[in-house]
Protein backbone atom coordinates (compact mmCIF):
# COMPACT_ATOMS: atom_id res chain seq x y z
CA MET A 1 50.59 33.12 -5.54
CA GLY A 2 52.19 30.86 -2.98
CA TRP A 3 55.92 30.69 -2.40
CA MET A 4 55.98 27.29 -4.16
CA ALA A 5 54.65 28.71 -7.41
CA ASP A 6 58.08 28.47 -9.03
CA GLU A 7 59.05 24.79 -9.19
CA THR A 8 61.92 25.19 -11.63
CA GLY A 9 64.35 22.32 -11.18
CA LEU A 10 61.98 20.35 -8.94
CA ASP A 11 61.68 17.46 -11.36
CA LYS A 12 61.44 13.70 -11.15
CA THR A 13 64.91 12.24 -11.43
CA ALA A 14 66.56 8.87 -10.88
CA ALA A 15 67.53 10.14 -7.44
CA ASN A 16 64.06 11.06 -6.18
CA TYR A 17 61.64 8.88 -8.11
CA VAL A 18 61.65 5.11 -8.58
CA PRO A 19 58.66 3.18 -9.95
CA LEU A 20 56.98 1.24 -7.16
CA THR A 21 57.34 -2.52 -7.52
CA PRO A 22 57.35 -5.44 -5.06
CA LEU A 23 60.55 -6.59 -6.78
CA SER A 24 62.32 -3.97 -4.65
CA PHE A 25 61.33 -5.84 -1.50
CA LEU A 26 63.36 -8.89 -2.47
CA THR A 27 66.43 -6.98 -3.68
CA ARG A 28 66.48 -5.26 -0.28
CA ALA A 29 65.87 -8.49 1.65
CA LYS A 30 68.89 -10.09 -0.03
CA GLN A 31 71.04 -7.38 1.55
CA VAL A 32 69.29 -6.97 4.89
CA PHE A 33 68.28 -10.58 5.67
CA PRO A 34 70.73 -12.72 3.63
CA ASP A 35 70.88 -15.57 6.16
CA HIS A 36 67.27 -15.44 7.31
CA MET A 37 64.99 -18.24 6.15
CA ALA A 38 62.83 -17.05 3.25
CA VAL A 39 60.99 -20.12 1.94
CA VAL A 40 60.50 -23.51 3.58
CA TYR A 41 58.78 -26.67 2.40
CA GLY A 42 59.84 -29.96 3.95
CA PRO A 43 63.56 -30.34 3.16
CA HIS A 44 63.50 -27.22 0.94
CA ARG A 45 64.90 -24.42 3.13
CA LYS A 46 66.24 -21.36 1.39
CA THR A 47 67.66 -18.19 2.92
CA TYR A 48 67.01 -14.83 1.33
CA ALA A 49 70.41 -14.95 -0.39
CA GLN A 50 69.53 -18.35 -1.86
CA TYR A 51 65.96 -17.32 -2.67
CA HIS A 52 67.20 -14.24 -4.53
CA GLU A 53 69.67 -16.33 -6.53
CA ARG A 54 66.99 -18.85 -7.53
CA VAL A 55 64.66 -16.05 -8.60
CA THR A 56 67.49 -14.49 -10.61
CA ARG A 57 68.28 -17.79 -12.30
CA LEU A 58 64.61 -18.23 -13.15
CA ALA A 59 64.42 -14.78 -14.74
CA SER A 60 67.59 -15.44 -16.75
CA ALA A 61 66.45 -18.91 -17.82
CA LEU A 62 63.11 -17.54 -19.05
CA VAL A 63 64.93 -14.96 -21.16
CA LYS A 64 67.01 -17.77 -22.67
CA LEU A 65 63.76 -19.55 -23.57
CA GLY A 66 62.76 -16.48 -25.57
CA VAL A 67 60.58 -14.69 -23.04
CA GLN A 68 60.60 -10.95 -23.68
CA PRO A 69 59.27 -8.05 -21.60
CA GLY A 70 55.48 -8.02 -21.75
CA ASP A 71 55.22 -11.73 -22.54
CA VAL A 72 53.07 -13.97 -20.34
CA VAL A 73 54.44 -16.87 -18.30
CA ALA A 74 51.74 -19.11 -16.83
CA THR A 75 51.85 -21.51 -13.88
CA LEU A 76 49.67 -24.39 -12.72
CA ILE A 77 51.32 -25.20 -9.43
CA PRO A 78 50.09 -25.71 -5.84
CA ASN A 79 51.49 -23.49 -3.09
CA LEU A 80 55.07 -24.68 -3.53
CA PRO A 81 58.46 -22.91 -3.61
CA ALA A 82 58.47 -22.68 -7.41
CA GLN A 83 55.16 -20.84 -7.36
CA VAL A 84 56.53 -18.38 -4.79
CA GLU A 85 59.71 -17.92 -6.84
CA ALA A 86 57.69 -17.30 -10.00
CA HIS A 87 56.05 -14.29 -8.34
CA PHE A 88 59.42 -12.57 -8.45
CA GLY A 89 61.28 -14.42 -11.21
CA VAL A 90 58.69 -13.83 -13.93
CA PRO A 91 58.40 -10.04 -13.45
CA ALA A 92 62.18 -9.84 -12.88
CA CYS A 93 62.60 -10.60 -16.59
CA GLY A 94 59.94 -8.06 -17.51
CA ALA A 95 57.27 -10.69 -18.11
CA VAL A 96 53.73 -10.97 -16.74
CA LEU A 97 52.81 -13.80 -14.36
CA ASN A 98 49.60 -15.72 -15.07
CA ALA A 99 48.99 -18.04 -12.11
CA ILE A 100 46.13 -20.31 -13.19
CA ASN A 101 43.60 -22.05 -10.96
CA THR A 102 44.70 -25.69 -10.72
CA ARG A 103 41.09 -26.83 -10.37
CA LEU A 104 40.01 -25.76 -13.85
CA GLU A 105 39.13 -28.16 -16.63
CA PRO A 106 41.16 -28.38 -19.91
CA ASP A 107 38.75 -26.32 -22.01
CA THR A 108 39.00 -23.28 -19.75
CA VAL A 109 42.76 -23.67 -19.37
CA ALA A 110 43.07 -23.76 -23.16
CA TYR A 111 41.04 -20.55 -23.40
CA ILE A 112 43.30 -18.86 -20.83
CA PHE A 113 46.47 -19.99 -22.65
CA ASP A 114 45.11 -18.58 -25.90
CA HIS A 115 43.61 -15.38 -24.49
CA GLY A 116 46.65 -14.49 -22.40
CA GLY A 117 49.16 -15.70 -24.97
CA ALA A 118 51.29 -17.77 -22.57
CA LYS A 119 54.82 -18.34 -23.92
CA VAL A 120 55.95 -20.67 -21.12
CA VAL A 121 53.96 -22.75 -18.63
CA LEU A 122 55.38 -24.08 -15.36
CA VAL A 123 53.28 -27.09 -14.38
CA ASP A 124 53.14 -29.52 -11.48
CA PRO A 125 53.11 -33.16 -12.70
CA GLN A 126 49.71 -33.69 -11.07
CA PHE A 127 48.20 -31.18 -13.48
CA LEU A 128 50.23 -32.12 -16.55
CA PRO A 129 47.40 -34.23 -18.07
CA THR A 130 45.07 -31.23 -17.84
CA VAL A 131 47.68 -28.93 -19.37
CA ALA A 132 48.56 -31.40 -22.13
CA GLU A 133 44.91 -31.69 -23.12
CA ALA A 134 44.51 -27.91 -22.91
CA VAL A 135 47.45 -27.42 -25.29
CA GLU A 136 45.80 -29.79 -27.78
CA ARG A 137 42.64 -27.67 -27.65
CA MET A 138 44.45 -24.37 -28.16
CA GLU A 139 43.87 -22.31 -31.29
CA GLY A 140 47.13 -20.38 -31.03
CA PRO A 141 50.78 -21.44 -30.73
CA ALA A 142 51.57 -23.91 -27.98
CA PRO A 143 53.63 -22.69 -25.00
CA ILE A 144 56.86 -24.27 -23.79
CA LEU A 145 56.08 -26.62 -20.90
CA ILE A 146 58.34 -26.95 -17.85
CA GLU A 147 57.58 -29.64 -15.25
CA VAL A 148 57.90 -28.65 -11.60
CA ALA A 149 58.45 -31.89 -9.69
CA ASP A 150 57.47 -32.17 -6.03
CA ASP A 151 59.56 -35.12 -4.92
CA HIS A 152 58.85 -34.30 -1.25
CA ALA A 153 55.16 -35.11 -1.84
CA GLY A 154 55.96 -38.05 -4.11
CA VAL A 155 54.84 -36.13 -7.21
CA HIS A 156 57.67 -36.91 -9.61
CA ALA A 157 58.34 -35.51 -13.06
CA HIS A 158 56.97 -37.48 -16.00
CA GLY A 159 60.18 -36.86 -17.92
CA HIS A 160 58.50 -35.54 -21.07
CA TYR A 161 59.63 -31.96 -20.57
CA MET A 162 62.50 -30.03 -19.00
CA GLU A 163 62.27 -30.06 -15.21
CA TYR A 164 62.24 -26.84 -13.18
CA GLU A 165 65.54 -27.39 -11.36
CA ASP A 166 67.23 -28.10 -14.70
CA LEU A 167 65.72 -24.87 -16.03
CA LEU A 168 67.17 -22.92 -13.08
CA ALA A 169 70.58 -24.49 -13.78
CA THR A 170 70.59 -22.81 -17.21
CA GLY A 171 70.06 -19.39 -15.61
CA ASP A 172 72.77 -16.84 -14.90
CA PRO A 173 72.99 -15.94 -11.16
CA ALA A 174 74.45 -12.56 -12.19
CA PHE A 175 71.50 -11.67 -14.44
CA ASP A 176 70.40 -8.05 -14.10
CA TRP A 177 66.71 -7.87 -13.28
CA ILE A 178 64.58 -5.98 -15.76
CA MET A 179 62.88 -3.54 -13.43
CA PRO A 180 59.79 -1.62 -14.59
CA GLN A 181 60.45 1.74 -16.17
CA ASP A 182 56.89 2.72 -15.35
CA GLU A 183 55.02 1.43 -12.30
CA TRP A 184 51.91 1.14 -14.49
CA GLU A 185 53.58 -1.76 -16.32
CA SER A 186 51.77 -5.08 -15.91
CA ILE A 187 53.04 -7.54 -13.31
CA ALA A 188 50.31 -10.18 -13.30
CA LEU A 189 47.33 -11.51 -15.23
CA ASN A 190 44.64 -13.26 -13.19
CA TYR A 191 41.46 -14.78 -14.56
CA THR A 192 38.14 -14.40 -12.81
CA SER A 193 36.00 -17.43 -12.13
CA GLY A 194 33.93 -16.73 -15.20
CA THR A 195 30.82 -15.32 -13.53
CA THR A 196 29.28 -14.51 -16.91
CA GLY A 197 30.62 -17.36 -19.02
CA ARG A 198 34.25 -17.16 -20.09
CA PRO A 199 36.64 -15.85 -17.42
CA LYS A 200 37.93 -12.32 -17.79
CA GLY A 201 41.63 -11.51 -17.64
CA VAL A 202 42.35 -9.06 -14.80
CA VAL A 203 45.58 -7.11 -15.26
CA TYR A 204 47.61 -5.93 -12.25
CA HIS A 205 50.33 -3.26 -12.31
CA HIS A 206 53.52 -3.08 -10.26
CA ARG A 207 52.25 -0.04 -8.33
CA GLY A 208 49.08 -1.80 -7.20
CA ALA A 209 50.95 -4.96 -6.19
CA TYR A 210 53.39 -2.92 -4.11
CA LEU A 211 50.73 -0.81 -2.40
CA ASN A 212 48.25 -3.62 -1.79
CA ALA A 213 50.99 -5.64 -0.10
CA MET A 214 51.99 -2.70 2.09
CA GLY A 215 48.40 -1.83 2.96
CA GLN A 216 47.81 -5.33 4.26
CA ALA A 217 50.98 -5.15 6.31
CA ILE A 218 49.40 -2.27 8.20
CA SER A 219 46.03 -3.99 8.53
CA TRP A 220 47.66 -7.20 9.76
CA ARG A 221 49.86 -5.31 12.22
CA LEU A 222 52.97 -7.06 10.91
CA THR A 223 56.29 -6.79 12.67
CA LEU A 224 59.66 -8.16 11.56
CA HIS A 225 59.96 -11.82 10.62
CA PRO A 226 56.37 -13.06 10.38
CA ARG A 227 56.02 -16.72 9.42
CA TYR A 228 53.35 -16.91 6.76
CA LEU A 229 51.58 -20.17 5.93
CA THR A 230 50.38 -20.37 2.32
CA ILE A 231 46.78 -21.55 2.53
CA VAL A 232 45.19 -19.03 0.16
CA PRO A 233 46.09 -20.43 -3.28
CA LEU A 234 48.78 -18.38 -4.98
CA PHE A 235 46.54 -18.43 -8.07
CA HIS A 236 43.88 -16.47 -6.13
CA CYS A 237 44.80 -12.79 -6.57
CA ASN A 238 48.46 -13.90 -6.34
CA GLY A 239 47.81 -15.27 -2.88
CA TRP A 240 46.34 -11.90 -1.86
CA CYS A 241 49.78 -10.39 -2.63
CA HIS A 242 51.27 -11.99 0.50
CA SER A 243 54.24 -13.62 -1.25
CA TRP A 244 55.21 -10.18 -2.57
CA LEU A 245 54.85 -8.72 0.92
CA MET A 246 56.94 -11.15 2.95
CA PRO A 247 60.46 -9.99 1.87
CA ALA A 248 59.64 -6.45 3.05
CA TYR A 249 59.47 -7.81 6.60
CA GLY A 250 62.05 -10.55 6.30
CA GLY A 251 59.19 -12.98 6.58
CA THR A 252 59.32 -16.73 6.06
CA VAL A 253 56.92 -18.29 3.56
CA ILE A 254 55.86 -21.76 4.72
CA CYS A 255 54.58 -23.68 1.69
CA CYS A 256 51.71 -26.13 1.99
CA ARG A 257 50.67 -28.40 -0.86
CA ASP A 258 47.55 -30.02 0.56
CA ILE A 259 45.35 -27.97 2.86
CA THR A 260 44.41 -30.34 5.68
CA ALA A 261 43.96 -29.85 9.41
CA PRO A 262 47.09 -31.92 10.30
CA ALA A 263 49.19 -29.96 7.80
CA ILE A 264 48.04 -26.64 9.26
CA PHE A 265 48.50 -27.68 12.89
CA ASP A 266 51.94 -29.10 12.07
CA ALA A 267 52.98 -25.87 10.35
CA ILE A 268 51.90 -23.85 13.37
CA ALA A 269 53.49 -26.16 15.95
CA ASP A 270 56.66 -27.19 14.09
CA GLU A 271 57.35 -24.24 11.79
CA GLY A 272 55.93 -21.54 14.05
CA ALA A 273 53.44 -20.17 11.53
CA THR A 274 52.10 -16.84 12.78
CA HIS A 275 49.82 -15.75 9.90
CA PHE A 276 47.61 -17.26 7.25
CA GLY A 277 44.62 -16.38 5.13
CA GLY A 278 41.80 -18.67 4.14
CA ALA A 279 38.10 -19.16 3.52
CA PRO A 280 35.80 -20.05 6.43
CA ILE A 281 35.98 -23.69 5.32
CA VAL A 282 39.57 -23.71 6.61
CA LEU A 283 38.41 -22.47 10.01
CA ASN A 284 35.70 -25.14 10.08
CA MET A 285 38.31 -27.75 9.25
CA LEU A 286 40.39 -26.75 12.26
CA VAL A 287 37.43 -26.51 14.63
CA ASN A 288 36.15 -29.94 13.60
CA ALA A 289 39.53 -31.68 13.53
CA PRO A 290 39.65 -34.75 15.78
CA GLU A 291 41.74 -34.37 18.91
CA ALA A 292 44.39 -36.71 17.49
CA GLN A 293 45.12 -34.23 14.66
CA ARG A 294 45.46 -31.17 16.86
CA ARG A 295 48.76 -29.77 18.07
CA SER A 296 49.39 -27.38 20.93
CA PHE A 297 51.10 -24.03 20.39
CA ASP A 298 51.70 -21.05 22.64
CA HIS A 299 51.36 -18.10 20.27
CA THR A 300 48.38 -16.35 18.66
CA VAL A 301 47.92 -17.02 14.96
CA GLU A 302 46.54 -14.07 12.99
CA VAL A 303 44.01 -15.12 10.37
CA PHE A 304 42.50 -13.21 7.47
CA THR A 305 39.30 -14.91 6.33
CA ALA A 306 37.24 -14.05 3.25
CA GLY A 307 34.77 -15.54 0.81
CA ALA A 308 31.83 -15.62 3.22
CA PRO A 309 31.35 -14.46 6.81
CA PRO A 310 32.55 -17.03 9.34
CA ALA A 311 29.66 -18.59 11.23
CA PRO A 312 29.22 -17.41 14.84
CA ALA A 313 29.60 -20.98 16.07
CA THR A 314 32.92 -21.31 14.22
CA LEU A 315 34.28 -18.05 15.61
CA SER A 316 33.28 -18.89 19.15
CA LYS A 317 35.18 -22.16 18.93
CA ILE A 318 38.29 -21.17 16.99
CA GLU A 319 39.34 -18.01 18.82
CA PRO A 320 39.91 -19.80 22.17
CA MET A 321 42.10 -22.27 20.24
CA GLY A 322 44.66 -19.51 19.66
CA PHE A 323 43.45 -17.84 16.46
CA ASN A 324 42.54 -14.17 16.02
CA VAL A 325 40.22 -13.94 13.02
CA THR A 326 39.75 -10.80 10.92
CA GLN A 327 37.15 -10.72 8.16
CA VAL A 328 38.42 -9.16 4.92
CA TYR A 329 36.73 -8.70 1.58
CA GLY A 330 37.86 -8.19 -1.97
CA LEU A 331 37.82 -9.49 -5.50
CA THR A 332 40.30 -10.54 -8.17
CA GLU A 333 39.90 -7.06 -9.65
CA VAL A 334 41.33 -5.42 -6.50
CA TYR A 335 44.37 -7.64 -5.82
CA GLY A 336 42.58 -9.59 -3.08
CA PRO A 337 41.56 -7.99 0.23
CA ALA A 338 40.37 -4.39 -0.03
CA THR A 339 38.32 -4.01 3.15
CA GLU A 340 38.86 -5.27 6.68
CA CYS A 341 36.66 -5.52 9.72
CA THR A 342 38.99 -3.37 11.77
CA TRP A 343 38.33 -4.18 15.41
CA ALA A 344 37.50 -1.31 17.76
CA GLU A 345 37.91 -1.14 21.54
CA ARG A 346 34.22 -0.36 21.90
CA TRP A 347 33.51 -4.00 20.96
CA ASP A 348 35.94 -5.63 23.39
CA HIS A 349 33.18 -6.52 25.84
CA LEU A 350 31.15 -8.44 23.24
CA GLU A 351 30.98 -12.21 23.38
CA GLY A 352 29.35 -15.06 21.47
CA ASP A 353 26.87 -14.18 18.75
CA ALA A 354 27.19 -10.43 19.39
CA ARG A 355 30.95 -10.59 18.85
CA ALA A 356 30.55 -12.79 15.76
CA ALA A 357 27.95 -10.42 14.29
CA ILE A 358 30.54 -7.62 14.27
CA LYS A 359 33.30 -9.88 12.94
CA ALA A 360 31.01 -10.95 10.11
CA ARG A 361 31.08 -7.46 8.62
CA GLN A 362 33.26 -6.87 5.58
CA GLY A 363 34.30 -3.61 7.19
CA VAL A 364 36.12 -0.51 6.03
CA ALA A 365 38.67 0.36 3.37
CA MET A 366 42.24 -0.81 3.83
CA PRO A 367 44.76 2.05 4.01
CA ILE A 368 45.71 2.24 0.33
CA TYR A 369 42.17 2.77 -0.96
CA GLU A 370 40.91 6.27 -1.61
CA HIS A 371 37.25 5.46 -1.04
CA ILE A 372 35.10 2.36 -0.60
CA THR A 373 31.40 2.80 -0.01
CA VAL A 374 27.90 1.65 -0.99
CA VAL A 375 25.82 3.51 -3.56
CA ASP A 376 22.41 3.32 -5.20
CA GLU A 377 21.68 2.93 -8.92
CA LYS A 378 22.35 6.65 -9.47
CA MET A 379 25.80 6.40 -7.81
CA GLN A 380 24.52 8.28 -4.77
CA GLN A 381 25.60 7.33 -1.24
CA ILE A 382 23.00 5.13 0.47
CA PRO A 383 21.84 5.90 4.01
CA MET A 384 24.20 4.29 6.54
CA ASP A 385 21.39 2.71 8.51
CA GLY A 386 22.31 -0.97 8.32
CA LYS A 387 19.14 -1.61 6.29
CA THR A 388 19.23 0.21 2.96
CA GLN A 389 20.92 -1.85 0.26
CA GLY A 390 23.20 -0.73 -2.55
CA GLU A 391 26.29 -1.78 -4.49
CA ILE A 392 29.82 -1.75 -3.09
CA VAL A 393 32.08 0.51 -5.19
CA MET A 394 35.78 1.26 -4.83
CA ARG A 395 38.42 3.65 -6.07
CA GLY A 396 42.12 3.76 -5.33
CA ASN A 397 45.52 2.40 -6.23
CA GLY A 398 44.54 -1.18 -5.48
CA VAL A 399 42.15 -1.44 -8.42
CA MET A 400 43.16 -3.38 -11.55
CA LYS A 401 44.29 -1.76 -14.81
CA GLY A 402 41.29 -3.39 -16.48
CA TYR A 403 40.19 -6.53 -18.29
CA LEU A 404 42.58 -7.81 -20.96
CA LYS A 405 41.25 -7.34 -24.51
CA ASN A 406 37.83 -6.35 -23.17
CA PRO A 407 37.48 -2.55 -23.19
CA ASN A 408 33.69 -2.66 -22.97
CA ALA A 409 33.72 -4.72 -19.77
CA THR A 410 36.44 -2.45 -18.36
CA ALA A 411 34.43 0.69 -19.12
CA GLU A 412 31.33 -0.85 -17.54
CA ALA A 413 33.25 -1.87 -14.42
CA PHE A 414 34.70 1.66 -14.03
CA ALA A 415 31.53 3.64 -14.77
CA GLY A 416 31.27 6.83 -12.72
CA GLY A 417 34.91 6.77 -11.64
CA TYR A 418 34.57 3.77 -9.33
CA PHE A 419 35.06 0.03 -9.69
CA HIS A 420 31.68 -1.67 -9.45
CA THR A 421 31.95 -4.89 -7.47
CA GLY A 422 28.47 -6.22 -8.24
CA ASP A 423 28.06 -7.08 -4.57
CA ILE A 424 24.99 -5.84 -2.73
CA ALA A 425 25.51 -4.56 0.80
CA VAL A 426 24.25 -2.40 3.64
CA GLN A 427 26.33 0.16 5.47
CA HIS A 428 26.17 0.60 9.22
CA PRO A 429 26.17 4.02 10.96
CA ASP A 430 29.90 3.69 11.62
CA SER A 431 30.42 3.20 7.83
CA TYR A 432 31.23 -0.53 8.13
CA VAL A 433 30.06 -2.41 5.04
CA GLN A 434 28.23 -5.74 5.25
CA ILE A 435 27.35 -7.82 2.18
CA ALA A 436 23.67 -8.69 1.87
CA ASP A 437 23.57 -10.60 -1.42
CA ARG A 438 25.50 -11.46 -4.55
CA ALA A 439 24.25 -9.33 -7.39
CA LYS A 440 25.44 -11.71 -10.10
CA ASP A 441 24.28 -14.99 -8.58
CA ILE A 442 27.80 -16.07 -7.74
CA ILE A 443 28.07 -19.20 -5.62
CA ILE A 444 31.06 -19.18 -3.25
CA SER A 445 32.08 -22.73 -2.46
CA GLY A 446 35.14 -23.27 -0.30
CA GLY A 447 36.45 -19.85 -1.30
CA GLU A 448 36.02 -20.57 -5.02
CA ASN A 449 33.63 -18.49 -7.11
CA ILE A 450 31.19 -20.49 -9.24
CA SER A 451 29.11 -18.92 -11.98
CA SER A 452 25.51 -20.14 -11.90
CA VAL A 453 25.30 -19.01 -15.54
CA GLU A 454 28.12 -21.37 -16.53
CA VAL A 455 26.61 -24.36 -14.71
CA GLU A 456 23.16 -23.63 -16.15
CA GLY A 457 24.67 -23.49 -19.62
CA VAL A 458 26.06 -27.00 -19.24
CA LEU A 459 22.84 -28.47 -17.87
CA MET A 460 20.81 -26.81 -20.60
CA SER A 461 22.83 -28.83 -23.11
CA HIS A 462 21.43 -32.07 -21.69
CA PRO A 463 18.84 -33.48 -24.10
CA ASP A 464 16.18 -33.96 -21.38
CA VAL A 465 16.39 -30.43 -19.91
CA LEU A 466 13.80 -27.81 -20.82
CA LEU A 467 14.82 -25.16 -18.29
CA CYS A 468 17.14 -25.02 -15.32
CA ALA A 469 18.30 -22.66 -12.61
CA VAL A 470 21.30 -23.08 -10.34
CA VAL A 471 21.47 -21.47 -6.91
CA ALA A 472 23.59 -21.72 -3.79
CA LYS A 473 22.63 -24.36 -1.25
CA PRO A 474 24.05 -23.89 2.27
CA ASP A 475 26.65 -26.52 3.15
CA ASP A 476 28.34 -27.16 6.49
CA LYS A 477 31.69 -28.01 4.90
CA TRP A 478 31.97 -25.77 1.84
CA GLY A 479 29.80 -22.85 2.94
CA GLU A 480 27.78 -23.08 -0.27
CA VAL A 481 27.45 -25.66 -3.04
CA PRO A 482 25.64 -25.50 -6.39
CA CYS A 483 22.09 -26.89 -6.36
CA ALA A 484 20.31 -27.34 -9.70
CA PHE A 485 16.56 -27.08 -10.23
CA VAL A 486 15.60 -28.67 -13.52
CA GLU A 487 12.37 -28.56 -15.51
CA LEU A 488 12.27 -31.57 -17.82
CA LYS A 489 10.88 -31.90 -21.33
CA ASP A 490 7.63 -33.81 -21.78
CA GLY A 491 7.81 -37.57 -21.70
CA VAL A 492 11.17 -37.97 -19.94
CA THR A 493 11.96 -39.13 -16.43
CA GLY A 494 14.86 -37.38 -14.73
CA ASP A 495 17.78 -39.23 -13.19
CA ALA A 496 19.57 -36.93 -10.74
CA ALA A 497 22.74 -39.04 -10.55
CA GLU A 498 22.99 -39.20 -14.34
CA MET A 499 22.46 -35.45 -14.58
CA ILE A 500 25.24 -34.79 -12.06
CA ALA A 501 27.57 -37.16 -13.94
CA PHE A 502 26.72 -35.33 -17.19
CA ALA A 503 27.74 -32.03 -15.60
CA ARG A 504 30.89 -33.47 -14.05
CA GLU A 505 32.17 -34.50 -17.48
CA ARG A 506 31.95 -30.89 -18.62
CA LEU A 507 32.79 -28.86 -15.53
CA ALA A 508 35.48 -28.69 -12.90
CA GLY A 509 34.51 -30.85 -9.93
CA PHE A 510 33.84 -27.95 -7.58
CA LYS A 511 31.42 -26.40 -10.09
CA THR A 512 29.35 -29.56 -10.48
CA PRO A 513 25.89 -29.45 -8.83
CA LYS A 514 25.82 -31.47 -5.64
CA GLN A 515 22.05 -31.92 -5.88
CA VAL A 516 19.54 -31.90 -8.73
CA VAL A 517 15.83 -31.34 -8.06
CA PHE A 518 13.19 -31.89 -10.76
CA LEU A 519 10.19 -29.54 -10.70
CA GLU A 520 8.32 -26.94 -12.68
CA LEU A 521 10.35 -23.78 -12.16
CA PRO A 522 8.59 -20.79 -10.56
CA LYS A 523 8.31 -17.93 -13.05
CA THR A 524 7.09 -14.36 -13.23
CA SER A 525 4.31 -13.31 -15.58
CA THR A 526 6.93 -12.48 -18.19
CA GLY A 527 8.52 -15.92 -17.91
CA LYS A 528 11.56 -14.96 -15.83
CA ILE A 529 12.66 -17.66 -13.40
CA GLN A 530 12.19 -16.55 -9.79
CA LYS A 531 15.51 -17.53 -8.28
CA PHE A 532 14.72 -16.09 -4.89
CA GLU A 533 12.07 -18.77 -4.42
CA LEU A 534 14.58 -21.45 -5.37
CA ARG A 535 17.14 -20.08 -2.90
CA THR A 536 14.54 -20.36 -0.17
CA LEU A 537 13.72 -23.91 -1.23
CA ALA A 538 17.41 -24.87 -1.38
CA LYS A 539 17.80 -23.95 2.29
CA THR A 540 15.24 -26.61 3.21
CA LEU A 541 16.81 -29.48 1.25
């Protein structure tokens, strides 16, 4: 036996073991960077000492509202200081943060409130009508609503509910944070885009949030005091964990309510933004911005892009503008980015389409993942030949705890000891992964996932529709948009505009089909709709 066979007295103690949590980053930053700017948004400029106090007051105020450890606190807020503060203030009172997509319609929001059991909801006045209607549709007890005014943007409180700053005023700045006793405790609840009907509740733990943040710090080559521009919505995988990461590096979070080319250029030129993440639509926006909206800057801005590979033409134009683009890939279930197209020196000589072809790969596992690869239906490794297709699977500390109140879906997702992404890909000889297709017919529009099943379900409820199929149609602005192919019942004449209006009344705007085509749907001998033919047709429209 080895000399370490006897481990008597070598136990976990308070001295040598502390549960991993991103909350620790901010408690440290308060001490190390007290006077450094932590969060900025127009006139709102808070140092780490001030940021920490506001987070502490929020945690205390939530406790006074009756929030207990394990309870859910939801938000419907753009990328504003209150949303950043909630990422620390909610878990600092032991609660679970549920940042909800602000683009959802009342019915889905009501479902999320009920399913997650939200006790308190922080809501921007712009989205208060949606939230108020959602509360009316709830089956369970209504949450306490807190309005988060954005006076800087002219979005003022309605006055019907307590305002956020008044809530903070009730909090105790000396409140002791309720730190996790176990790093497996839940820190966040994020809902998927409902790729098979109702969205599923993805549960994150403190350990995963801590490690995913740190893994990206390595991948992004961060050094002290980055200036991070919030373009990825903080309701998308908690902004890819970036708000949790920034205090570790004494970074400054630059909030941005409306994602426009002038706002991004201003943040880079005036606030010195050094990093941001975003879908390719953001890159297209910058490339196509008129000269009058552009600003000059003399530093390189590091960009993580995900959702779809950036087009070669976009990459060739944006990199000379001062942006270094890295393709990343992930899902809600893995805290955001899980793979990166790590650049190698052997590609330095590449230019144009050849360079873009490499950058379009989803890449290799980020440092905190144990293994990410592509397998066949029997969970066997596919040949790494750049041609054979299989499913991307992952295992490691950056994978969710599971789906809330859905053990069957969790077991299915974790079959064989890996998380099954449902994304079909090839693997190149150097192990780099590249997505070939979406296994579940997901449409990715402007970085948002749209379930074709959900859209089809709405259209099928139209009295004139016999059958329908929804597929992705390529779009210069959004990357992809939903396109509906509809087979009508006998004796009716279709009206595309009316059909689109029908869908818009029942779906969030971004999920509404942008085009409706009437035809007899192509089918197999067994009656199954042949979507691959429709995808081909959609590309010609």
